[in-house]
Amino acid sequence: MPVSSHDPKPDASHDASLDANLAVALDALLAEQSVTRAAARLHTSPAAMSRTLARLRRVLQDPLLVRAGQAMVPTPRAEALRDEAAAVVRRLEALLTPSGGVDPAALRRTFTVQASDVVGAALAPGLLALARRRAPGVSLRVLAEEWEAGPALREGRVDLEIGSIDHVDPETRVEELVTLRMAAAVRPGHPLAEGILTPARLAAAEHVAVSRRGRFTGPLDAALAEQGLSRRVGAVLPGHLAAMALAAVGDAVCLVPTALPGEPPSPLGDAARALGLRLLEIPLPLPLLTISMAWHPRHTADGAHQWLRGAVRRVLRPAREGQAHPAVGPAGRQVTSW
């Protein structure tokens, strides 16, 4: 029985199933004009490539390649598709190829960093100097530390959080940058700068404490209590820079993060040095302070964010020659109020 003119034709488009491999195979077949050479190009068997050619013929409703003696030649439809197929494959390769990095000179981006005042003051000059030399289109926005832990990284409001990290979400990436100790900072000519600094002399001095939460006590008080001593805190300020400024013009003692013995100087001590403060070693065992940077994992492979993290490392972690960077990990570290 003859087929009626009203009978629907098979829908060849269903056979394609949006298979990107067909575009790759079509490009290889049209470029090589040989099933065997196309199969070798795509690291498959000639039999598999013959099946793919048959499928392409059904989808496109054209023979594409036909015999001409010992060779195969493209049909007019195939000739018309050759350049387009090659362009599609190039776009697919670009889409699915891992990023090869970013040119810092081409960056046009504002990065937002959340940090304490002393970390921001240490970071900004070095980071902006790097940007001027290598990434002039980069700008930096530094936000104050939030009073309570917030989802700023997860929500994308902040690119990096830098400081003593204690409130990360489970997926947050954290990399330790540098471990510091606390020193007692006093103005030049302060009585504590003369003679041997003992726990008793330190306890008897006037102190200014730093705490975002307004706490009067911290690790130094616990260490003094072990010696049967206590100190008087005349003021609690929310940031180290204000505490340093107060110490620079009076007799108050404040605590300042500084490098461990034998380590390169930390830029977190630059503000104290600029104010002319004397840094005195505290004769008590105090917990060390670890400064880390935290970011959301969606930024891990982003070339621009990788440049930012590398710049932060160079600024806040003065590396010795051959020193390796610490591994990235998911864990946070307890914040310490001083």
C-alpha atoms as a PDB file:
ATOM      1  CA  MET A   1       0.000   0.000   0.000  1.00  0.00           C
ATOM      2  CA  PRO A   2       1.470   3.327  -1.020  1.00  0.00           C
ATOM      3  CA  VAL A   3       2.299   5.809   1.687  1.00  0.00           C
ATOM      4  CA  SER A   4      -0.206   8.636   1.845  1.00  0.00           C
ATOM      5  CA  SER A   5       1.087  12.139   1.219  1.00  0.00           C
ATOM      6  CA  HIS A   6      -0.476  13.031   4.571  1.00  0.00           C
ATOM      7  CA  ASP A   7       1.663  10.571   6.534  1.00  0.00           C
ATOM      8  CA  PRO A   8       4.195  12.416   8.755  1.00  0.00           C
ATOM      9  CA  LYS A   9       7.851  12.012   7.905  1.00  0.00           C
ATOM     10  CA  PRO A  10      10.185  10.687  10.566  1.00  0.00           C
ATOM     11  CA  ASP A  11      11.501  13.558  12.711  1.00  0.00           C
ATOM     12  CA  ALA A  12      15.249  13.280  12.246  1.00  0.00           C
ATOM     13  CA  SER A  13      15.861  15.946  14.871  1.00  0.00           C
ATOM     14  CA  HIS A  14      14.998  13.441  17.598  1.00  0.00           C
ATOM     15  CA  ASP A  15      17.943  11.322  16.502  1.00  0.00           C
ATOM     16  CA  ALA A  16      20.396  14.163  17.287  1.00  0.00           C
ATOM     17  CA  SER A  17      19.326  14.433  20.949  1.00  0.00           C
ATOM     18  CA  LEU A  18      21.415  17.603  21.240  1.00  0.00           C
ATOM     19  CA  ASP A  19      24.552  15.443  21.194  1.00  0.00           C
ATOM     20  CA  ALA A  20      27.617  17.683  21.039  1.00  0.00           C
ATOM     21  CA  ASN A  21      29.676  14.648  19.998  1.00  0.00           C
ATOM     22  CA  LEU A  22      27.899  14.736  16.649  1.00  0.00           C
ATOM     23  CA  ALA A  23      29.259  18.213  15.973  1.00  0.00           C
ATOM     24  CA  VAL A  24      32.762  17.039  16.850  1.00  0.00           C
ATOM     25  CA  ALA A  25      32.421  13.984  14.595  1.00  0.00           C
ATOM     26  CA  LEU A  26      31.002  16.077  11.754  1.00  0.00           C
ATOM     27  CA  ASP A  27      33.942  18.475  11.980  1.00  0.00           C
ATOM     28  CA  ALA A  28      36.427  15.592  11.886  1.00  0.00           C
ATOM     29  CA  LEU A  29      34.713  13.857   8.956  1.00  0.00           C
ATOM     30  CA  LEU A  30      34.481  17.017   6.872  1.00  0.00           C
ATOM     31  CA  ALA A  31      38.070  17.985   7.637  1.00  0.00           C
ATOM     32  CA  GLU A  32      39.547  14.533   6.954  1.00  0.00           C
ATOM     33  CA  GLN A  33      37.083  13.374   4.253  1.00  0.00           C
ATOM     34  CA  SER A  34      37.847   9.871   5.439  1.00  0.00           C
ATOM     35  CA  VAL A  35      36.122   7.652   7.982  1.00  0.00           C
ATOM     36  CA  THR A  36      39.430   6.010   8.920  1.00  0.00           C
ATOM     37  CA  ARG A  37      41.340   9.282   9.393  1.00  0.00           C
ATOM     38  CA  ALA A  38      38.434  10.868  11.282  1.00  0.00           C
ATOM     39  CA  ALA A  39      38.318   7.836  13.580  1.00  0.00           C
ATOM     40  CA  ALA A  40      42.050   8.152  14.273  1.00  0.00           C
ATOM     41  CA  ARG A  41      41.665  11.887  14.956  1.00  0.00           C
ATOM     42  CA  LEU A  42      38.983  11.225  17.558  1.00  0.00           C
ATOM     43  CA  HIS A  43      40.665   8.116  18.988  1.00  0.00           C
ATOM     44  CA  THR A  44      37.818   5.787  18.099  1.00  0.00           C
ATOM     45  CA  SER A  45      37.374   2.820  15.759  1.00  0.00           C
ATOM     46  CA  PRO A  46      36.488   3.077  12.063  1.00  0.00           C
ATOM     47  CA  ALA A  47      33.371   0.982  12.751  1.00  0.00           C
ATOM     48  CA  ALA A  48      32.177   3.427  15.411  1.00  0.00           C
ATOM     49  CA  MET A  49      32.884   6.369  13.102  1.00  0.00           C
ATOM     50  CA  SER A  50      30.922   4.661  10.290  1.00  0.00           C
ATOM     51  CA  ARG A  51      27.937   4.358  12.644  1.00  0.00           C
ATOM     52  CA  THR A  52      28.276   8.032  13.561  1.00  0.00           C
ATOM     53  CA  LEU A  53      28.389   9.001   9.876  1.00  0.00           C
ATOM     54  CA  ALA A  54      25.219   7.011   9.285  1.00  0.00           C
ATOM     55  CA  ARG A  55      23.569   8.842  12.169  1.00  0.00           C
ATOM     56  CA  LEU A  56      24.684  12.229  10.808  1.00  0.00           C
ATOM     57  CA  ARG A  57      23.229  11.302   7.400  1.00  0.00           C
ATOM     58  CA  ARG A  58      19.876  10.551   9.055  1.00  0.00           C
ATOM     59  CA  VAL A  59      19.909  13.750  11.098  1.00  0.00           C
ATOM     60  CA  LEU A  60      20.952  16.046   8.254  1.00  0.00           C
ATOM     61  CA  GLN A  61      19.140  14.056   5.539  1.00  0.00           C
ATOM     62  CA  ASP A  62      22.184  14.292   3.304  1.00  0.00           C
ATOM     63  CA  PRO A  63      24.894  11.728   2.410  1.00  0.00           C
ATOM     64  CA  LEU A  64      27.611  14.269   3.375  1.00  0.00           C
ATOM     65  CA  LEU A  65      30.481  12.125   2.010  1.00  0.00           C
ATOM     66  CA  VAL A  66      30.210  10.025  -1.147  1.00  0.00           C
ATOM     67  CA  ARG A  67      32.589   7.720  -2.963  1.00  0.00           C
ATOM     68  CA  ALA A  68      34.638   9.104  -5.871  1.00  0.00           C
ATOM     69  CA  GLY A  69      36.919   6.270  -6.916  1.00  0.00           C
ATOM     70  CA  GLN A  70      39.177   5.387  -3.958  1.00  0.00           C
ATOM     71  CA  ALA A  71      38.384   8.629  -2.113  1.00  0.00           C
ATOM     72  CA  MET A  72      35.359  10.261  -0.519  1.00  0.00           C
ATOM     73  CA  VAL A  73      34.234  13.741  -1.479  1.00  0.00           C
ATOM     74  CA  PRO A  74      31.859  16.106   0.349  1.00  0.00           C
ATOM     75  CA  THR A  75      28.415  16.914  -0.954  1.00  0.00           C
ATOM     76  CA  PRO A  76      27.428  20.568  -1.498  1.00  0.00           C
ATOM     77  CA  ARG A  77      25.599  20.472   1.861  1.00  0.00           C
ATOM     78  CA  ALA A  78      28.736  19.199   3.548  1.00  0.00           C
ATOM     79  CA  GLU A  79      30.830  21.929   1.934  1.00  0.00           C
ATOM     80  CA  ALA A  80      28.379  24.521   3.263  1.00  0.00           C
ATOM     81  CA  LEU A  81      28.564  23.037   6.780  1.00  0.00           C
ATOM     82  CA  ARG A  82      32.377  22.682   6.963  1.00  0.00           C
ATOM     83  CA  ASP A  83      33.271  26.132   8.375  1.00  0.00           C
ATOM     84  CA  GLU A  84      30.262  26.257  10.673  1.00  0.00           C
ATOM     85  CA  ALA A  85      31.051  22.832  12.130  1.00  0.00           C
ATOM     86  CA  ALA A  86      34.652  23.858  12.778  1.00  0.00           C
ATOM     87  CA  ALA A  87      33.508  27.075  14.479  1.00  0.00           C
ATOM     88  CA  VAL A  88      31.051  25.184  16.705  1.00  0.00           C
ATOM     89  CA  VAL A  89      33.775  22.782  17.824  1.00  0.00           C
ATOM     90  CA  ARG A  90      36.140  25.662  18.617  1.00  0.00           C
ATOM     91  CA  ARG A  91      33.421  27.284  20.745  1.00  0.00           C
ATOM     92  CA  LEU A  92      32.773  23.980  22.536  1.00  0.00           C
ATOM     93  CA  GLU A  93      36.483  23.592  23.262  1.00  0.00           C
ATOM     94  CA  ALA A  94      36.677  27.124  24.637  1.00  0.00           C
ATOM     95  CA  LEU A  95      33.582  26.527  26.766  1.00  0.00           C
ATOM     96  CA  LEU A  96      34.824  23.260  28.256  1.00  0.00           C
ATOM     97  CA  THR A  97      38.536  24.048  28.613  1.00  0.00           C
ATOM     98  CA  PRO A  98      39.747  24.959  32.127  1.00  0.00           C
ATOM     99  CA  SER A  99      40.664  28.604  32.563  1.00  0.00           C
ATOM    100  CA  GLY A 100      44.265  29.345  31.747  1.00  0.00           C
ATOM    101  CA  GLY A 101      44.477  32.169  34.268  1.00  0.00           C
ATOM    102  CA  VAL A 102      43.894  35.864  33.975  1.00  0.00           C
ATOM    103  CA  ASP A 103      45.917  38.811  32.759  1.00  0.00           C
ATOM    104  CA  PRO A 104      46.116  41.147  35.786  1.00  0.00           C
ATOM    105  CA  ALA A 105      46.590  44.149  33.500  1.00  0.00           C
ATOM    106  CA  ALA A 106      43.178  43.435  31.938  1.00  0.00           C
ATOM    107  CA  LEU A 107      41.290  43.187  35.251  1.00  0.00           C
ATOM    108  CA  ARG A 108      38.577  45.742  35.901  1.00  0.00           C
ATOM    109  CA  ARG A 109      37.215  44.751  39.272  1.00  0.00           C
ATOM    110  CA  THR A 110      36.584  45.988  42.800  1.00  0.00           C
ATOM    111  CA  PHE A 111      37.402  43.446  45.502  1.00  0.00           C
ATOM    112  CA  THR A 112      35.700  43.624  48.887  1.00  0.00           C
ATOM    113  CA  VAL A 113      37.668  42.451  51.904  1.00  0.00           C
ATOM    114  CA  GLN A 114      36.416  42.184  55.471  1.00  0.00           C
ATOM    115  CA  ALA A 115      39.172  42.715  58.040  1.00  0.00           C
ATOM    116  CA  SER A 116      40.062  44.374  61.327  1.00  0.00           C
ATOM    117  CA  ASP A 117      41.522  47.868  61.257  1.00  0.00           C
ATOM    118  CA  VAL A 118      45.096  46.719  61.803  1.00  0.00           C
ATOM    119  CA  VAL A 119      44.824  44.023  59.104  1.00  0.00           C
ATOM    120  CA  GLY A 120      43.257  46.504  56.689  1.00  0.00           C
ATOM    121  CA  ALA A 121      45.977  49.049  57.416  1.00  0.00           C
ATOM    122  CA  ALA A 122      48.653  46.416  56.786  1.00  0.00           C
ATOM    123  CA  LEU A 123      46.993  45.059  53.641  1.00  0.00           C
ATOM    124  CA  ALA A 124      45.912  48.195  51.788  1.00  0.00           C
ATOM    125  CA  PRO A 125      49.306  49.833  51.056  1.00  0.00           C
ATOM    126  CA  GLY A 126      50.946  46.645  49.790  1.00  0.00           C
ATOM    127  CA  LEU A 127      47.925  45.467  47.816  1.00  0.00           C
ATOM    128  CA  LEU A 128      47.418  48.848  46.154  1.00  0.00           C
ATOM    129  CA  ALA A 129      51.125  49.023  45.303  1.00  0.00           C
ATOM    130  CA  LEU A 130      50.866  45.612  43.620  1.00  0.00           C
ATOM    131  CA  ALA A 131      47.729  46.726  41.787  1.00  0.00           C
ATOM    132  CA  ARG A 132      49.392  49.896  40.501  1.00  0.00           C
ATOM    133  CA  ARG A 133      52.247  47.875  39.048  1.00  0.00           C
ATOM    134  CA  ARG A 134      50.374  44.862  37.692  1.00  0.00           C
ATOM    135  CA  ALA A 135      46.598  45.382  37.843  1.00  0.00           C
ATOM    136  CA  PRO A 136      45.798  49.097  37.553  1.00  0.00           C
ATOM    137  CA  GLY A 137      42.105  48.371  37.006  1.00  0.00           C
ATOM    138  CA  VAL A 138      41.722  46.765  40.457  1.00  0.00           C
ATOM    139  CA  SER A 139      40.143  48.679  43.348  1.00  0.00           C
ATOM    140  CA  LEU A 140      39.922  47.627  46.997  1.00  0.00           C
ATOM    141  CA  ARG A 141      37.025  48.049  49.426  1.00  0.00           C
ATOM    142  CA  VAL A 142      37.795  47.151  53.058  1.00  0.00           C
ATOM    143  CA  LEU A 143      34.824  46.543  55.372  1.00  0.00           C
ATOM    144  CA  ALA A 144      35.044  46.415  59.157  1.00  0.00           C
ATOM    145  CA  GLU A 145      34.708  43.061  60.866  1.00  0.00           C
ATOM    146  CA  GLU A 146      31.112  42.187  61.630  1.00  0.00           C
ATOM    147  CA  TRP A 147      30.188  42.171  65.310  1.00  0.00           C
ATOM    148  CA  GLU A 148      28.610  38.754  64.938  1.00  0.00           C
ATOM    149  CA  ALA A 149      29.315  36.065  62.392  1.00  0.00           C
ATOM    150  CA  GLY A 150      27.432  36.663  59.147  1.00  0.00           C
ATOM    151  CA  PRO A 151      26.927  34.977  55.778  1.00  0.00           C
ATOM    152  CA  ALA A 152      28.785  37.677  53.836  1.00  0.00           C
ATOM    153  CA  LEU A 153      31.041  35.213  52.003  1.00  0.00           C
ATOM    154  CA  ARG A 154      28.192  32.868  51.118  1.00  0.00           C
ATOM    155  CA  GLU A 155      26.011  35.734  49.885  1.00  0.00           C
ATOM    156  CA  GLY A 156      28.821  37.223  47.798  1.00  0.00           C
ATOM    157  CA  ARG A 157      28.950  40.539  49.667  1.00  0.00           C
ATOM    158  CA  VAL A 158      32.592  39.897  50.571  1.00  0.00           C
ATOM    159  CA  ASP A 159      35.342  38.344  48.427  1.00  0.00           C
ATOM    160  CA  LEU A 160      37.732  37.597  51.279  1.00  0.00           C
ATOM    161  CA  GLU A 161      37.615  37.668  55.050  1.00  0.00           C
ATOM    162  CA  ILE A 162      41.043  38.136  56.598  1.00  0.00           C
ATOM    163  CA  GLY A 163      41.837  37.808  60.284  1.00  0.00           C
ATOM    164  CA  SER A 164      41.465  35.283  63.075  1.00  0.00           C
ATOM    165  CA  ILE A 165      38.688  33.160  61.572  1.00  0.00           C
ATOM    166  CA  ASP A 166      36.206  31.416  63.870  1.00  0.00           C
ATOM    167  CA  HIS A 167      32.803  31.467  62.172  1.00  0.00           C
ATOM    168  CA  VAL A 168      33.111  29.838  58.761  1.00  0.00           C
ATOM    169  CA  ASP A 169      30.296  27.990  57.031  1.00  0.00           C
ATOM    170  CA  PRO A 170      31.025  24.293  56.373  1.00  0.00           C
ATOM    171  CA  GLU A 171      31.921  24.882  52.722  1.00  0.00           C
ATOM    172  CA  THR A 172      34.152  27.913  53.325  1.00  0.00           C
ATOM    173  CA  ARG A 173      37.787  27.603  52.287  1.00  0.00           C
ATOM    174  CA  VAL A 174      40.351  28.845  54.826  1.00  0.00           C
ATOM    175  CA  GLU A 175      44.083  29.321  54.292  1.00  0.00           C
ATOM    176  CA  GLU A 176      46.443  30.239  57.087  1.00  0.00           C
ATOM    177  CA  LEU A 177      48.702  33.159  56.188  1.00  0.00           C
ATOM    178  CA  VAL A 178      50.905  33.911  59.169  1.00  0.00           C
ATOM    179  CA  THR A 179      51.235  33.159  62.880  1.00  0.00           C
ATOM    180  CA  LEU A 180      52.108  36.076  65.143  1.00  0.00           C
ATOM    181  CA  ARG A 181      52.752  36.774  68.810  1.00  0.00           C
ATOM    182  CA  MET A 182      51.537  39.692  70.883  1.00  0.00           C
ATOM    183  CA  ALA A 183      53.951  42.356  72.142  1.00  0.00           C
ATOM    184  CA  ALA A 184      53.404  45.195  74.615  1.00  0.00           C
ATOM    185  CA  ALA A 185      53.533  48.565  72.844  1.00  0.00           C
ATOM    186  CA  VAL A 186      54.473  51.752  74.723  1.00  0.00           C
ATOM    187  CA  ARG A 187      55.504  55.296  73.809  1.00  0.00           C
ATOM    188  CA  PRO A 188      59.204  56.215  73.753  1.00  0.00           C
ATOM    189  CA  GLY A 189      60.341  57.100  77.255  1.00  0.00           C
ATOM    190  CA  HIS A 190      57.644  55.026  78.935  1.00  0.00           C
ATOM    191  CA  PRO A 191      58.800  53.643  82.326  1.00  0.00           C
ATOM    192  CA  LEU A 192      58.250  50.044  81.111  1.00  0.00           C
ATOM    193  CA  ALA A 193      60.823  50.620  78.348  1.00  0.00           C
ATOM    194  CA  GLU A 194      63.555  50.944  80.963  1.00  0.00           C
ATOM    195  CA  GLY A 195      64.933  47.928  82.779  1.00  0.00           C
ATOM    196  CA  ILE A 196      63.622  44.382  82.762  1.00  0.00           C
ATOM    197  CA  LEU A 197      59.927  43.951  82.051  1.00  0.00           C
ATOM    198  CA  THR A 198      58.482  41.596  84.672  1.00  0.00           C
ATOM    199  CA  PRO A 199      54.907  40.326  85.004  1.00  0.00           C
ATOM    200  CA  ALA A 200      54.461  42.482  88.104  1.00  0.00           C
ATOM    201  CA  ARG A 201      55.600  45.668  86.329  1.00  0.00           C
ATOM    202  CA  LEU A 202      53.374  44.874  83.345  1.00  0.00           C
ATOM    203  CA  ALA A 203      50.369  44.281  85.602  1.00  0.00           C
ATOM    204  CA  ALA A 204      50.944  47.555  87.477  1.00  0.00           C
ATOM    205  CA  ALA A 205      50.839  49.673  84.296  1.00  0.00           C
ATOM    206  CA  GLU A 206      47.745  51.286  82.833  1.00  0.00           C
ATOM    207  CA  HIS A 207      46.294  49.252  79.962  1.00  0.00           C
ATOM    208  CA  VAL A 208      44.044  49.830  76.984  1.00  0.00           C
ATOM    209  CA  ALA A 209      42.337  46.682  75.664  1.00  0.00           C
ATOM    210  CA  VAL A 210      41.048  45.887  72.180  1.00  0.00           C
ATOM    211  CA  SER A 211      37.752  44.052  71.791  1.00  0.00           C
ATOM    212  CA  ARG A 212      34.973  44.375  69.233  1.00  0.00           C
ATOM    213  CA  ARG A 213      32.580  43.094  71.886  1.00  0.00           C
ATOM    214  CA  GLY A 214      33.730  45.490  74.591  1.00  0.00           C
ATOM    215  CA  ARG A 215      35.376  42.879  76.790  1.00  0.00           C
ATOM    216  CA  PHE A 216      37.773  44.058  79.493  1.00  0.00           C
ATOM    217  CA  THR A 217      39.540  40.720  79.894  1.00  0.00           C
ATOM    218  CA  GLY A 218      41.464  38.438  77.561  1.00  0.00           C
ATOM    219  CA  PRO A 219      44.389  35.995  77.372  1.00  0.00           C
ATOM    220  CA  LEU A 220      46.774  38.437  79.078  1.00  0.00           C
ATOM    221  CA  ASP A 221      44.499  38.575  82.134  1.00  0.00           C
ATOM    222  CA  ALA A 222      44.425  34.779  82.314  1.00  0.00           C
ATOM    223  CA  ALA A 223      48.238  34.633  82.116  1.00  0.00           C
ATOM    224  CA  LEU A 224      48.593  37.288  84.839  1.00  0.00           C
ATOM    225  CA  ALA A 225      46.112  35.439  87.045  1.00  0.00           C
ATOM    226  CA  GLU A 226      48.352  32.372  86.896  1.00  0.00           C
ATOM    227  CA  GLN A 227      50.975  34.565  88.584  1.00  0.00           C
ATOM    228  CA  GLY A 228      48.501  35.886  91.145  1.00  0.00           C
ATOM    229  CA  LEU A 229      48.401  39.263  89.361  1.00  0.00           C
ATOM    230  CA  SER A 230      45.747  41.403  87.715  1.00  0.00           C
ATOM    231  CA  ARG A 231      45.873  44.532  85.571  1.00  0.00           C
ATOM    232  CA  ARG A 232      43.720  47.601  85.368  1.00  0.00           C
ATOM    233  CA  VAL A 233      42.192  48.298  81.953  1.00  0.00           C
ATOM    234  CA  GLY A 234      41.363  51.973  81.675  1.00  0.00           C
ATOM    235  CA  ALA A 235      39.661  51.755  78.295  1.00  0.00           C
ATOM    236  CA  VAL A 236      38.359  49.183  75.837  1.00  0.00           C
ATOM    237  CA  LEU A 237      38.515  50.192  72.179  1.00  0.00           C
ATOM    238  CA  PRO A 238      37.138  48.313  69.140  1.00  0.00           C
ATOM    239  CA  GLY A 239      40.337  48.451  67.086  1.00  0.00           C
ATOM    240  CA  HIS A 240      44.096  48.203  67.421  1.00  0.00           C
ATOM    241  CA  LEU A 241      44.812  51.452  65.562  1.00  0.00           C
ATOM    242  CA  ALA A 242      42.857  53.524  68.107  1.00  0.00           C
ATOM    243  CA  ALA A 243      44.590  51.702  70.961  1.00  0.00           C
ATOM    244  CA  MET A 244      48.007  52.395  69.426  1.00  0.00           C
ATOM    245  CA  ALA A 245      47.157  56.056  68.954  1.00  0.00           C
ATOM    246  CA  LEU A 246      46.186  56.277  72.624  1.00  0.00           C
ATOM    247  CA  ALA A 247      49.373  54.532  73.736  1.00  0.00           C
ATOM    248  CA  ALA A 248      51.490  56.845  71.576  1.00  0.00           C
ATOM    249  CA  VAL A 249      50.378  59.980  73.479  1.00  0.00           C
ATOM    250  CA  GLY A 250      50.094  58.664  77.031  1.00  0.00           C
ATOM    251  CA  ASP A 251      51.183  56.032  79.501  1.00  0.00           C
ATOM    252  CA  ALA A 252      48.733  53.312  78.456  1.00  0.00           C
ATOM    253  CA  VAL A 253      50.055  49.944  77.286  1.00  0.00           C
ATOM    254  CA  CYS A 254      48.418  48.194  74.352  1.00  0.00           C
ATOM    255  CA  LEU A 255      49.040  44.844  72.720  1.00  0.00           C
ATOM    256  CA  VAL A 256      50.234  44.679  69.116  1.00  0.00           C
ATOM    257  CA  PRO A 257      50.672  41.631  66.833  1.00  0.00           C
ATOM    258  CA  THR A 258      54.253  41.151  65.698  1.00  0.00           C
ATOM    259  CA  ALA A 259      56.362  38.493  64.010  1.00  0.00           C
ATOM    260  CA  LEU A 260      57.682  35.451  65.814  1.00  0.00           C
ATOM    261  CA  PRO A 261      61.410  35.492  66.683  1.00  0.00           C
ATOM    262  CA  GLY A 262      63.501  34.742  63.609  1.00  0.00           C
ATOM    263  CA  GLU A 263      60.647  35.450  61.179  1.00  0.00           C
ATOM    264  CA  PRO A 264      60.547  38.353  58.679  1.00  0.00           C
ATOM    265  CA  PRO A 265      58.872  41.514  60.060  1.00  0.00           C
ATOM    266  CA  SER A 266      55.088  41.462  59.736  1.00  0.00           C
ATOM    267  CA  PRO A 267      53.302  44.392  58.074  1.00  0.00           C
ATOM    268  CA  LEU A 268      50.761  44.155  60.923  1.00  0.00           C
ATOM    269  CA  GLY A 269      53.378  45.930  63.023  1.00  0.00           C
ATOM    270  CA  ASP A 270      53.879  48.787  60.546  1.00  0.00           C
ATOM    271  CA  ALA A 271      51.310  51.050  62.229  1.00  0.00           C
ATOM    272  CA  ALA A 272      53.020  50.680  65.622  1.00  0.00           C
ATOM    273  CA  ARG A 273      56.393  51.467  64.082  1.00  0.00           C
ATOM    274  CA  ALA A 274      54.951  54.488  62.251  1.00  0.00           C
ATOM    275  CA  LEU A 275      53.674  55.847  65.578  1.00  0.00           C
ATOM    276  CA  GLY A 276      57.109  55.366  67.101  1.00  0.00           C
ATOM    277  CA  LEU A 277      55.906  52.802  69.655  1.00  0.00           C
ATOM    278  CA  ARG A 278      58.387  50.541  71.387  1.00  0.00           C
ATOM    279  CA  LEU A 279      57.496  46.856  71.223  1.00  0.00           C
ATOM    280  CA  LEU A 280      58.382  44.918  74.376  1.00  0.00           C
ATOM    281  CA  GLU A 281      58.438  41.152  74.734  1.00  0.00           C
ATOM    282  CA  ILE A 282      55.794  40.001  77.208  1.00  0.00           C
ATOM    283  CA  PRO A 283      57.319  37.784  79.940  1.00  0.00           C
ATOM    284  CA  LEU A 284      54.300  35.483  80.017  1.00  0.00           C
ATOM    285  CA  PRO A 285      53.125  32.531  77.881  1.00  0.00           C
ATOM    286  CA  LEU A 286      50.353  33.848  75.633  1.00  0.00           C
ATOM    287  CA  PRO A 287      48.460  32.081  72.825  1.00  0.00           C
ATOM    288  CA  LEU A 288      49.700  32.820  69.340  1.00  0.00           C
ATOM    289  CA  LEU A 289      47.515  34.652  66.833  1.00  0.00           C
ATOM    290  CA  THR A 290      46.949  33.031  63.437  1.00  0.00           C
ATOM    291  CA  ILE A 291      45.847  35.296  60.592  1.00  0.00           C
ATOM    292  CA  SER A 292      43.974  33.473  57.826  1.00  0.00           C
ATOM    293  CA  MET A 293      41.957  34.323  54.749  1.00  0.00           C
ATOM    294  CA  ALA A 294      38.578  32.759  54.020  1.00  0.00           C
ATOM    295  CA  TRP A 295      36.540  32.676  50.815  1.00  0.00           C
ATOM    296  CA  HIS A 296      33.556  30.901  49.321  1.00  0.00           C
ATOM    297  CA  PRO A 297      34.479  27.910  47.106  1.00  0.00           C
ATOM    298  CA  ARG A 298      32.695  29.402  44.085  1.00  0.00           C
ATOM    299  CA  HIS A 299      35.714  31.729  43.804  1.00  0.00           C
ATOM    300  CA  THR A 300      38.390  29.034  44.109  1.00  0.00           C
ATOM    301  CA  ALA A 301      38.967  28.572  40.361  1.00  0.00           C
ATOM    302  CA  ASP A 302      38.217  32.173  39.351  1.00  0.00           C
ATOM    303  CA  GLY A 303      41.349  33.708  37.830  1.00  0.00           C
ATOM    304  CA  ALA A 304      40.720  37.195  39.199  1.00  0.00           C
ATOM    305  CA  HIS A 305      40.134  35.856  42.709  1.00  0.00           C
ATOM    306  CA  GLN A 306      43.267  33.725  42.432  1.00  0.00           C
ATOM    307  CA  TRP A 307      45.208  36.900  41.666  1.00  0.00           C
ATOM    308  CA  LEU A 308      43.688  38.567  44.736  1.00  0.00           C
ATOM    309  CA  ARG A 309      44.601  35.662  47.031  1.00  0.00           C
ATOM    310  CA  GLY A 310      48.137  35.573  45.662  1.00  0.00           C
ATOM    311  CA  ALA A 311      48.498  39.314  46.233  1.00  0.00           C
ATOM    312  CA  VAL A 312      47.255  38.974  49.822  1.00  0.00           C
ATOM    313  CA  ARG A 313      49.805  36.213  50.436  1.00  0.00           C
ATOM    314  CA  ARG A 314      52.644  38.371  49.140  1.00  0.00           C
ATOM    315  CA  VAL A 315      51.599  41.319  51.310  1.00  0.00           C
ATOM    316  CA  LEU A 316      50.706  39.633  54.607  1.00  0.00           C
ATOM    317  CA  ARG A 317      53.035  36.659  54.488  1.00  0.00           C
ATOM    318  CA  PRO A 318      56.548  37.879  53.687  1.00  0.00           C
ATOM    319  CA  ALA A 319      57.947  34.595  52.399  1.00  0.00           C
ATOM    320  CA  ARG A 320      61.478  33.404  52.767  1.00  0.00           C
ATOM    321  CA  GLU A 321      63.084  32.063  49.631  1.00  0.00           C
ATOM    322  CA  GLY A 322      61.830  28.561  48.967  1.00  0.00           C
ATOM    323  CA  GLN A 323      59.091  28.784  51.587  1.00  0.00           C
ATOM    324  CA  ALA A 324      55.974  26.854  50.576  1.00  0.00           C
ATOM    325  CA  HIS A 325      52.483  28.173  51.060  1.00  0.00           C
ATOM    326  CA  PRO A 326      50.309  26.333  53.596  1.00  0.00           C
ATOM    327  CA  ALA A 327      47.667  24.000  52.250  1.00  0.00           C
ATOM    328  CA  VAL A 328      44.113  25.200  51.940  1.00  0.00           C
ATOM    329  CA  GLY A 329      41.723  23.639  54.432  1.00  0.00           C
ATOM    330  CA  PRO A 330      38.098  23.897  55.540  1.00  0.00           C
ATOM    331  CA  ALA A 331      38.748  24.521  59.232  1.00  0.00           C
ATOM    332  CA  GLY A 332      38.545  27.849  61.048  1.00  0.00           C
ATOM    333  CA  ARG A 333      40.488  29.076  64.061  1.00  0.00           C
ATOM    334  CA  GLN A 334      39.237  30.566  67.315  1.00  0.00           C
ATOM    335  CA  VAL A 335      39.219  34.366  67.433  1.00  0.00           C
ATOM    336  CA  THR A 336      41.045  35.936  70.348  1.00  0.00           C
ATOM    337  CA  SER A 337      40.175  39.226  72.067  1.00  0.00           C
ATOM    338  CA  TRP A 338      43.143  41.077  73.453  1.00  0.00           C
END
